Amino acid sequence: MPGGDQDLIDEYREYLQRFDRLVGDVDFGTPAKWKGRLVTKLPYEQFEARFAEFKKFERVYQEIMERGDTVNDSLQKILRDRAAELLLDPTQY
């Protein structure tokens, strides 16, 4: 992954900006609503784990779509849940 840690730090900064813009000024760990879902502002360590998991499932999803295979409902749910946690558009999946 080009840039490695710096790319992840940049992703985290974008996430924090997105969170403040879309959800508001909320303390870390405090539940808030976004698009009908409960979300919490993640500290870096939790973001890092959630983002890695999201990217893994996103790669699998893209491979499935490229092959034209049927997408498993549970995979879609996981991807949508992780996207929502990161304040990314869950309707893409």
PDB file of N, CA and C in Angstrom:
ATOM      1  N   MET A   1       0.843  -1.177   0.000  1.00  0.00           N
ATOM      2  CA  MET A   1       0.000   0.000   0.000  1.00  0.00           C
ATOM      3  C   MET A   1       0.885   1.236   0.000  1.00  0.00           C
ATOM      4  N   PRO A   2       0.782   2.076  -1.046  1.00  0.00           N
ATOM      5  CA  PRO A   2       1.627   3.261  -1.114  1.00  0.00           C
ATOM      6  C   PRO A   2       1.355   4.189   0.062  1.00  0.00           C
ATOM      7  N   GLY A   3       2.414   4.660   0.680  1.00  0.00           N
ATOM      8  CA  GLY A   3       2.258   5.579   1.798  1.00  0.00           C
ATOM      9  C   GLY A   3       1.957   4.908   3.117  1.00  0.00           C
ATOM     10  N   GLY A   4       1.379   3.709   3.073  1.00  0.00           N
ATOM     11  CA  GLY A   4       1.098   2.908   4.255  1.00  0.00           C
ATOM     12  C   GLY A   4       0.467   3.663   5.398  1.00  0.00           C
ATOM     13  N   ASP A   5       1.245   3.864   6.468  1.00  0.00           N
ATOM     14  CA  ASP A   5       0.735   4.512   7.681  1.00  0.00           C
ATOM     15  C   ASP A   5       0.238   5.923   7.411  1.00  0.00           C
ATOM     16  N   GLN A   6       0.937   6.661   6.561  1.00  0.00           N
ATOM     17  CA  GLN A   6       0.518   8.037   6.273  1.00  0.00           C
ATOM     18  C   GLN A   6      -0.836   8.052   5.584  1.00  0.00           C
ATOM     19  N   ASP A   7      -1.076   7.096   4.673  1.00  0.00           N
ATOM     20  CA  ASP A   7      -2.383   7.007   4.017  1.00  0.00           C
ATOM     21  C   ASP A   7      -3.482   6.771   5.049  1.00  0.00           C
ATOM     22  N   LEU A   8      -3.220   5.903   6.011  1.00  0.00           N
ATOM     23  CA  LEU A   8      -4.212   5.605   7.041  1.00  0.00           C
ATOM     24  C   LEU A   8      -4.455   6.827   7.934  1.00  0.00           C
ATOM     25  N   ILE A   9      -3.405   7.549   8.250  1.00  0.00           N
ATOM     26  CA  ILE A   9      -3.546   8.777   9.046  1.00  0.00           C
ATOM     27  C   ILE A   9      -4.383   9.796   8.278  1.00  0.00           C
ATOM     28  N   ASP A  10      -4.134   9.905   6.976  1.00  0.00           N
ATOM     29  CA  ASP A  10      -4.933  10.820   6.147  1.00  0.00           C
ATOM     30  C   ASP A  10      -6.399  10.385   6.109  1.00  0.00           C
ATOM     31  N   GLU A  11      -6.637   9.080   5.994  1.00  0.00           N
ATOM     32  CA  GLU A  11      -8.009   8.559   6.014  1.00  0.00           C
ATOM     33  C   GLU A  11      -8.687   8.909   7.342  1.00  0.00           C
ATOM     34  N   TYR A  12      -7.943   8.783   8.436  1.00  0.00           N
ATOM     35  CA  TYR A  12      -8.494   9.093   9.755  1.00  0.00           C
ATOM     36  C   TYR A  12      -8.832  10.581   9.867  1.00  0.00           C
ATOM     37  N   ARG A  13      -7.961  11.423   9.366  1.00  0.00           N
ATOM     38  CA  ARG A  13      -8.242  12.868   9.396  1.00  0.00           C
ATOM     39  C   ARG A  13      -9.502  13.190   8.596  1.00  0.00           C
ATOM     40  N   GLU A  14      -9.639  12.562   7.429  1.00  0.00           N
ATOM     41  CA  GLU A  14     -10.839  12.768   6.618  1.00  0.00           C
ATOM     42  C   GLU A  14     -12.083  12.269   7.358  1.00  0.00           C
ATOM     43  N   TYR A  15     -11.956  11.126   8.021  1.00  0.00           N
ATOM     44  CA  TYR A  15     -13.071  10.576   8.802  1.00  0.00           C
ATOM     45  C   TYR A  15     -13.500  11.561   9.895  1.00  0.00           C
ATOM     46  N   LEU A  16     -12.525  12.115  10.638  1.00  0.00           N
ATOM     47  CA  LEU A  16     -12.857  13.063  11.710  1.00  0.00           C
ATOM     48  C   LEU A  16     -13.539  14.311  11.157  1.00  0.00           C
ATOM     49  N   GLN A  17     -13.065  14.811  10.022  1.00  0.00           N
ATOM     50  CA  GLN A  17     -13.695  15.972   9.392  1.00  0.00           C
ATOM     51  C   GLN A  17     -15.113  15.629   8.940  1.00  0.00           C
ATOM     52  N   ARG A  18     -15.268  14.446   8.343  1.00  0.00           N
ATOM     53  CA  ARG A  18     -16.574  13.982   7.887  1.00  0.00           C
ATOM     54  C   ARG A  18     -17.523  13.838   9.074  1.00  0.00           C
ATOM     55  N   PHE A  19     -17.013  13.274  10.168  1.00  0.00           N
ATOM     56  CA  PHE A  19     -17.833  13.086  11.361  1.00  0.00           C
ATOM     57  C   PHE A  19     -18.332  14.424  11.885  1.00  0.00           C
ATOM     58  N   ASP A  20     -17.436  15.379  12.034  1.00  0.00           N
ATOM     59  CA  ASP A  20     -17.825  16.695  12.549  1.00  0.00           C
ATOM     60  C   ASP A  20     -18.828  17.377  11.621  1.00  0.00           C
ATOM     61  N   ARG A  21     -18.636  17.232  10.307  1.00  0.00           N
ATOM     62  CA  ARG A  21     -19.519  17.866   9.343  1.00  0.00           C
ATOM     63  C   ARG A  21     -20.896  17.196   9.296  1.00  0.00           C
ATOM     64  N   LEU A  22     -20.932  15.873   9.308  1.00  0.00           N
ATOM     65  CA  LEU A  22     -22.182  15.142   9.121  1.00  0.00           C
ATOM     66  C   LEU A  22     -22.938  14.856  10.415  1.00  0.00           C
ATOM     67  N   VAL A  23     -22.206  14.664  11.510  1.00  0.00           N
ATOM     68  CA  VAL A  23     -22.838  14.278  12.772  1.00  0.00           C
ATOM     69  C   VAL A  23     -22.806  15.424  13.774  1.00  0.00           C
ATOM     70  N   GLY A  24     -21.708  16.145  13.793  1.00  0.00           N
ATOM     71  CA  GLY A  24     -21.572  17.254  14.726  1.00  0.00           C
ATOM     72  C   GLY A  24     -20.433  17.013  15.691  1.00  0.00           C
ATOM     73  N   ASP A  25     -20.270  17.962  16.589  1.00  0.00           N
ATOM     74  CA  ASP A  25     -19.199  17.907  17.578  1.00  0.00           C
ATOM     75  C   ASP A  25     -19.627  16.976  18.714  1.00  0.00           C
ATOM     76  N   VAL A  26     -19.192  15.733  18.623  1.00  0.00           N
ATOM     77  CA  VAL A  26     -19.563  14.696  19.586  1.00  0.00           C
ATOM     78  C   VAL A  26     -18.282  14.131  20.192  1.00  0.00           C
ATOM     79  N   ASP A  27     -18.293  13.857  21.481  1.00  0.00           N
ATOM     80  CA  ASP A  27     -17.127  13.253  22.127  1.00  0.00           C
ATOM     81  C   ASP A  27     -16.924  11.819  21.639  1.00  0.00           C
ATOM     82  N   PHE A  28     -15.689  11.361  21.693  1.00  0.00           N
ATOM     83  CA  PHE A  28     -15.367   9.981  21.329  1.00  0.00           C
ATOM     84  C   PHE A  28     -16.193   9.023  22.187  1.00  0.00           C
ATOM     85  N   GLY A  29     -16.779   8.021  21.533  1.00  0.00           N
ATOM     86  CA  GLY A  29     -17.520   6.992  22.240  1.00  0.00           C
ATOM     87  C   GLY A  29     -18.961   7.347  22.574  1.00  0.00           C
ATOM     88  N   THR A  30     -19.368   8.590  22.331  1.00  0.00           N
ATOM     89  CA  THR A  30     -20.740   9.002  22.612  1.00  0.00           C
ATOM     90  C   THR A  30     -21.614   8.661  21.409  1.00  0.00           C
ATOM     91  N   PRO A  31     -22.683   7.899  21.610  1.00  0.00           N
ATOM     92  CA  PRO A  31     -23.554   7.544  20.486  1.00  0.00           C
ATOM     93  C   PRO A  31     -24.247   8.779  19.896  1.00  0.00           C
ATOM     94  N   ALA A  32     -24.380   8.776  18.574  1.00  0.00           N
ATOM     95  CA  ALA A  32     -25.091   9.833  17.856  1.00  0.00           C
ATOM     96  C   ALA A  32     -25.787   9.189  16.663  1.00  0.00           C
ATOM     97  N   LYS A  33     -26.766   9.881  16.107  1.00  0.00           N
ATOM     98  CA  LYS A  33     -27.503   9.346  14.952  1.00  0.00           C
ATOM     99  C   LYS A  33     -26.967   9.922  13.663  1.00  0.00           C
ATOM    100  N   TRP A  34     -26.841   9.052  12.652  1.00  0.00           N
ATOM    101  CA  TRP A  34     -26.487   9.450  11.291  1.00  0.00           C
ATOM    102  C   TRP A  34     -27.243   8.545  10.336  1.00  0.00           C
ATOM    103  N   LYS A  35     -28.071   9.130   9.491  1.00  0.00           N
ATOM    104  CA  LYS A  35     -28.871   8.379   8.511  1.00  0.00           C
ATOM    105  C   LYS A  35     -29.627   7.225   9.165  1.00  0.00           C
ATOM    106  N   GLY A  36     -30.193   7.489  10.333  1.00  0.00           N
ATOM    107  CA  GLY A  36     -30.994   6.486  11.024  1.00  0.00           C
ATOM    108  C   GLY A  36     -30.191   5.410  11.733  1.00  0.00           C
ATOM    109  N   ARG A  37     -28.882   5.556  11.797  1.00  0.00           N
ATOM    110  CA  ARG A  37     -28.020   4.578  12.470  1.00  0.00           C
ATOM    111  C   ARG A  37     -27.309   5.237  13.641  1.00  0.00           C
ATOM    112  N   LEU A  38     -27.074   4.438  14.667  1.00  0.00           N
ATOM    113  CA  LEU A  38     -26.261   4.927  15.781  1.00  0.00           C
ATOM    114  C   LEU A  38     -24.792   4.767  15.420  1.00  0.00           C
ATOM    115  N   VAL A  39     -24.047   5.833  15.548  1.00  0.00           N
ATOM    116  CA  VAL A  39     -22.611   5.812  15.280  1.00  0.00           C
ATOM    117  C   VAL A  39     -21.894   6.453  16.456  1.00  0.00           C
ATOM    118  N   THR A  40     -20.633   6.121  16.614  1.00  0.00           N
ATOM    119  CA  THR A  40     -19.802   6.772  17.623  1.00  0.00           C
ATOM    120  C   THR A  40     -18.514   7.220  16.959  1.00  0.00           C
ATOM    121  N   LYS A  41     -17.984   8.337  17.435  1.00  0.00           N
ATOM    122  CA  LYS A  41     -16.694   8.811  16.921  1.00  0.00           C
ATOM    123  C   LYS A  41     -15.622   7.858  17.424  1.00  0.00           C
ATOM    124  N   LEU A  42     -14.879   7.288  16.489  1.00  0.00           N
ATOM    125  CA  LEU A  42     -13.893   6.269  16.830  1.00  0.00           C
ATOM    126  C   LEU A  42     -12.523   6.879  17.101  1.00  0.00           C
ATOM    127  N   PRO A  43     -11.857   6.452  18.172  1.00  0.00           N
ATOM    128  CA  PRO A  43     -10.452   6.832  18.345  1.00  0.00           C
ATOM    129  C   PRO A  43      -9.625   6.112  17.279  1.00  0.00           C
ATOM    130  N   TYR A  44      -8.408   6.580  17.061  1.00  0.00           N
ATOM    131  CA  TYR A  44      -7.578   6.079  15.966  1.00  0.00           C
ATOM    132  C   TYR A  44      -7.451   4.551  15.949  1.00  0.00           C
ATOM    133  N   GLU A  45      -7.203   3.938  17.098  1.00  0.00           N
ATOM    134  CA  GLU A  45      -6.977   2.491  17.141  1.00  0.00           C
ATOM    135  C   GLU A  45      -8.212   1.722  16.665  1.00  0.00           C
ATOM    136  N   GLN A  46      -9.395   2.164  17.071  1.00  0.00           N
ATOM    137  CA  GLN A  46     -10.615   1.502  16.625  1.00  0.00           C
ATOM    138  C   GLN A  46     -10.882   1.788  15.155  1.00  0.00           C
ATOM    139  N   PHE A  47     -10.611   3.014  14.724  1.00  0.00           N
ATOM    140  CA  PHE A  47     -10.776   3.357  13.314  1.00  0.00           C
ATOM    141  C   PHE A  47      -9.886   2.472  12.448  1.00  0.00           C
ATOM    142  N   GLU A  48      -8.651   2.319  12.874  1.00  0.00           N
ATOM    143  CA  GLU A  48      -7.679   1.519  12.118  1.00  0.00           C
ATOM    144  C   GLU A  48      -8.216   0.097  11.893  1.00  0.00           C
ATOM    145  N   ALA A  49      -8.742  -0.523  12.932  1.00  0.00           N
ATOM    146  CA  ALA A  49      -9.264  -1.887  12.819  1.00  0.00           C
ATOM    147  C   ALA A  49     -10.515  -1.924  11.941  1.00  0.00           C
ATOM    148  N   ARG A  50     -11.440  -0.977  12.144  1.00  0.00           N
ATOM    149  CA  ARG A  50     -12.685  -0.955  11.374  1.00  0.00           C
ATOM    150  C   ARG A  50     -12.412  -0.657   9.904  1.00  0.00           C
ATOM    151  N   PHE A  51     -11.476   0.244   9.651  1.00  0.00           N
ATOM    152  CA  PHE A  51     -11.147   0.609   8.272  1.00  0.00           C
ATOM    153  C   PHE A  51     -10.510  -0.576   7.549  1.00  0.00           C
ATOM    154  N   ALA A  52      -9.612  -1.284   8.223  1.00  0.00           N
ATOM    155  CA  ALA A  52      -8.973  -2.465   7.617  1.00  0.00           C
ATOM    156  C   ALA A  52     -10.022  -3.521   7.291  1.00  0.00           C
ATOM    157  N   GLU A  53     -10.953  -3.735   8.207  1.00  0.00           N
ATOM    158  CA  GLU A  53     -12.014  -4.717   7.968  1.00  0.00           C
ATOM    159  C   GLU A  53     -12.897  -4.268   6.805  1.00  0.00           C
ATOM    160  N   PHE A  54     -13.254  -2.993   6.781  1.00  0.00           N
ATOM    161  CA  PHE A  54     -14.068  -2.464   5.691  1.00  0.00           C
ATOM    162  C   PHE A  54     -13.373  -2.675   4.349  1.00  0.00           C
ATOM    163  N   LYS A  55     -12.091  -2.330   4.263  1.00  0.00           N
ATOM    164  CA  LYS A  55     -11.359  -2.462   2.999  1.00  0.00           C
ATOM    165  C   LYS A  55     -11.282  -3.920   2.562  1.00  0.00           C
ATOM    166  N   LYS A  56     -11.129  -4.839   3.510  1.00  0.00           N
ATOM    167  CA  LYS A  56     -11.084  -6.263   3.178  1.00  0.00           C
ATOM    168  C   LYS A  56     -12.407  -6.695   2.551  1.00  0.00           C
ATOM    169  N   PHE A  57     -13.512  -6.343   3.187  1.00  0.00           N
ATOM    170  CA  PHE A  57     -14.817  -6.721   2.656  1.00  0.00           C
ATOM    171  C   PHE A  57     -15.124  -5.987   1.356  1.00  0.00           C
ATOM    172  N   GLU A  58     -14.657  -4.761   1.230  1.00  0.00           N
ATOM    173  CA  GLU A  58     -14.875  -4.016  -0.006  1.00  0.00           C
ATOM    174  C   GLU A  58     -14.160  -4.701  -1.174  1.00  0.00           C
ATOM    175  N   ARG A  59     -12.931  -5.189  -0.945  1.00  0.00           N
ATOM    176  CA  ARG A  59     -12.199  -5.908  -2.000  1.00  0.00           C
ATOM    177  C   ARG A  59     -12.952  -7.164  -2.423  1.00  0.00           C
ATOM    178  N   VAL A  60     -13.427  -7.925  -1.433  1.00  0.00           N
ATOM    179  CA  VAL A  60     -14.194  -9.140  -1.732  1.00  0.00           C
ATOM    180  C   VAL A  60     -15.438  -8.782  -2.534  1.00  0.00           C
ATOM    181  N   TYR A  61     -16.143  -7.750  -2.122  1.00  0.00           N
ATOM    182  CA  TYR A  61     -17.356  -7.308  -2.803  1.00  0.00           C
ATOM    183  C   TYR A  61     -17.047  -6.943  -4.259  1.00  0.00           C
ATOM    184  N   GLN A  62     -15.983  -6.168  -4.466  1.00  0.00           N
ATOM    185  CA  GLN A  62     -15.615  -5.755  -5.828  1.00  0.00           C
ATOM    186  C   GLN A  62     -15.267  -6.963  -6.699  1.00  0.00           C
ATOM    187  N   GLU A  63     -14.554  -7.937  -6.140  1.00  0.00           N
ATOM    188  CA  GLU A  63     -14.217  -9.149  -6.887  1.00  0.00           C
ATOM    189  C   GLU A  63     -15.470  -9.914  -7.284  1.00  0.00           C
ATOM    190  N   ILE A  64     -16.417 -10.012  -6.366  1.00  0.00           N
ATOM    191  CA  ILE A  64     -17.687 -10.692  -6.645  1.00  0.00           C
ATOM    192  C   ILE A  64     -18.421  -9.979  -7.774  1.00  0.00           C
ATOM    193  N   MET A  65     -18.479  -8.659  -7.705  1.00  0.00           N
ATOM    194  CA  MET A  65     -19.180  -7.887  -8.724  1.00  0.00           C
ATOM    195  C   MET A  65     -18.506  -8.030 -10.088  1.00  0.00           C
ATOM    196  N   GLU A  66     -17.167  -8.018 -10.112  1.00  0.00           N
ATOM    197  CA  GLU A  66     -16.435  -8.160 -11.372  1.00  0.00           C
ATOM    198  C   GLU A  66     -16.686  -9.515 -12.023  1.00  0.00           C
ATOM    199  N   ARG A  67     -16.823 -10.561 -11.202  1.00  0.00           N
ATOM    200  CA  ARG A  67     -17.082 -11.899 -11.734  1.00  0.00           C
ATOM    201  C   ARG A  67     -18.545 -12.086 -12.112  1.00  0.00           C
ATOM    202  N   GLY A  68     -19.406 -11.199 -11.618  1.00  0.00           N
ATOM    203  CA  GLY A  68     -20.828 -11.333 -11.893  1.00  0.00           C
ATOM    204  C   GLY A  68     -21.505 -12.356 -11.003  1.00  0.00           C
ATOM    205  N   ASP A  69     -20.867 -12.722  -9.901  1.00  0.00           N
ATOM    206  CA  ASP A  69     -21.444 -13.682  -8.966  1.00  0.00           C
ATOM    207  C   ASP A  69     -22.551 -13.031  -8.142  1.00  0.00           C
ATOM    208  N   THR A  70     -23.320 -13.855  -7.464  1.00  0.00           N
ATOM    209  CA  THR A  70     -24.354 -13.384  -6.558  1.00  0.00           C
ATOM    210  C   THR A  70     -23.711 -12.940  -5.248  1.00  0.00           C
ATOM    211  N   VAL A  71     -24.148 -11.796  -4.746  1.00  0.00           N
ATOM    212  CA  VAL A  71     -23.607 -11.267  -3.499  1.00  0.00           C
ATOM    213  C   VAL A  71     -24.406 -11.842  -2.335  1.00  0.00           C
ATOM    214  N   ASN A  72     -23.699 -12.400  -1.384  1.00  0.00           N
ATOM    215  CA  ASN A  72     -24.310 -12.945  -0.177  1.00  0.00           C
ATOM    216  C   ASN A  72     -24.885 -11.796   0.650  1.00  0.00           C
ATOM    217  N   ASP A  73     -26.120 -11.958   1.141  1.00  0.00           N
ATOM    218  CA  ASP A  73     -26.765 -10.914   1.942  1.00  0.00           C
ATOM    219  C   ASP A  73     -25.965 -10.553   3.186  1.00  0.00           C
ATOM    220  N   SER A  74     -25.344 -11.530   3.809  1.00  0.00           N
ATOM    221  CA  SER A  74     -24.584 -11.242   5.029  1.00  0.00           C
ATOM    222  C   SER A  74     -23.342 -10.404   4.710  1.00  0.00           C
ATOM    223  N   LEU A  75     -22.717 -10.640   3.548  1.00  0.00           N
ATOM    224  CA  LEU A  75     -21.570  -9.824   3.139  1.00  0.00           C
ATOM    225  C   LEU A  75     -22.022  -8.387   2.905  1.00  0.00           C
ATOM    226  N   GLN A  76     -23.162  -8.214   2.245  1.00  0.00           N
ATOM    227  CA  GLN A  76     -23.677  -6.871   2.020  1.00  0.00           C
ATOM    228  C   GLN A  76     -23.970  -6.166   3.340  1.00  0.00           C
ATOM    229  N   LYS A  77     -24.548  -6.875   4.300  1.00  0.00           N
ATOM    230  CA  LYS A  77     -24.867  -6.280   5.594  1.00  0.00           C
ATOM    231  C   LYS A  77     -23.593  -5.844   6.315  1.00  0.00           C
ATOM    232  N   ILE A  78     -22.583  -6.693   6.312  1.00  0.00           N
ATOM    233  CA  ILE A  78     -21.317  -6.342   6.965  1.00  0.00           C
ATOM    234  C   ILE A  78     -20.714  -5.110   6.309  1.00  0.00           C
ATOM    235  N   LEU A  79     -20.694  -5.095   4.984  1.00  0.00           N
ATOM    236  CA  LEU A  79     -20.110  -3.972   4.265  1.00  0.00           C
ATOM    237  C   LEU A  79     -20.887  -2.680   4.537  1.00  0.00           C
ATOM    238  N   ARG A  80     -22.201  -2.754   4.528  1.00  0.00           N
ATOM    239  CA  ARG A  80     -23.023  -1.571   4.823  1.00  0.00           C
ATOM    240  C   ARG A  80     -22.820  -1.091   6.260  1.00  0.00           C
ATOM    241  N   ASP A  81     -22.759  -2.034   7.198  1.00  0.00           N
ATOM    242  CA  ASP A  81     -22.538  -1.655   8.594  1.00  0.00           C
ATOM    243  C   ASP A  81     -21.194  -0.977   8.782  1.00  0.00           C
ATOM    244  N   ARG A  82     -20.148  -1.548   8.192  1.00  0.00           N
ATOM    245  CA  ARG A  82     -18.815  -0.958   8.331  1.00  0.00           C
ATOM    246  C   ARG A  82     -18.740   0.392   7.635  1.00  0.00           C
ATOM    247  N   ALA A  83     -19.374   0.519   6.462  1.00  0.00           N
ATOM    248  CA  ALA A  83     -19.389   1.808   5.765  1.00  0.00           C
ATOM    249  C   ALA A  83     -20.069   2.862   6.635  1.00  0.00           C
ATOM    250  N   ALA A  84     -21.187   2.502   7.245  1.00  0.00           N
ATOM    251  CA  ALA A  84     -21.899   3.452   8.103  1.00  0.00           C
ATOM    252  C   ALA A  84     -21.053   3.854   9.304  1.00  0.00           C
ATOM    253  N   GLU A  85     -20.336   2.902   9.890  1.00  0.00           N
ATOM    254  CA  GLU A  85     -19.474   3.233  11.033  1.00  0.00           C
ATOM    255  C   GLU A  85     -18.415   4.261  10.655  1.00  0.00           C
ATOM    256  N   LEU A  86     -17.978   4.210   9.395  1.00  0.00           N
ATOM    257  CA  LEU A  86     -16.936   5.115   8.919  1.00  0.00           C
ATOM    258  C   LEU A  86     -17.525   6.357   8.250  1.00  0.00           C
ATOM    259  N   LEU A  87     -18.867   6.472   8.311  1.00  0.00           N
ATOM    260  CA  LEU A  87     -19.599   7.581   7.691  1.00  0.00           C
ATOM    261  C   LEU A  87     -19.353   7.644   6.198  1.00  0.00           C
ATOM    262  N   LEU A  88     -19.286   6.480   5.561  1.00  0.00           N
ATOM    263  CA  LEU A  88     -19.214   6.367   4.120  1.00  0.00           C
ATOM    264  C   LEU A  88     -20.597   5.943   3.648  1.00  0.00           C
ATOM    265  N   ASP A  89     -20.936   6.221   2.427  1.00  0.00           N
ATOM    266  CA  ASP A  89     -22.278   5.957   1.925  1.00  0.00           C
ATOM    267  C   ASP A  89     -22.565   4.458   1.879  1.00  0.00           C
ATOM    268  N   PRO A  90     -23.388   3.947   2.805  1.00  0.00           N
ATOM    269  CA  PRO A  90     -23.670   2.507   2.842  1.00  0.00           C
ATOM    270  C   PRO A  90     -24.563   2.047   1.699  1.00  0.00           C
ATOM    271  N   THR A  91     -25.202   2.973   0.989  1.00  0.00           N
ATOM    272  CA  THR A  91     -26.098   2.569  -0.099  1.00  0.00           C
ATOM    273  C   THR A  91     -25.338   2.151  -1.353  1.00  0.00           C
ATOM    274  N   GLN A  92     -24.020   2.307  -1.372  1.00  0.00           N
ATOM    275  CA  GLN A  92     -23.212   1.870  -2.513  1.00  0.00           C
ATOM    276  C   GLN A  92     -23.124   0.349  -2.574  1.00  0.00           C
ATOM    277  N   TYR A  93     -23.469  -0.313  -1.487  1.00  0.00           N
ATOM    278  CA  TYR A  93     -23.253  -1.758  -1.399  1.00  0.00           C
ATOM    279  C   TYR A  93     -24.549  -2.499  -1.251  1.00  0.00           C
TER     280      TYR A  93
END
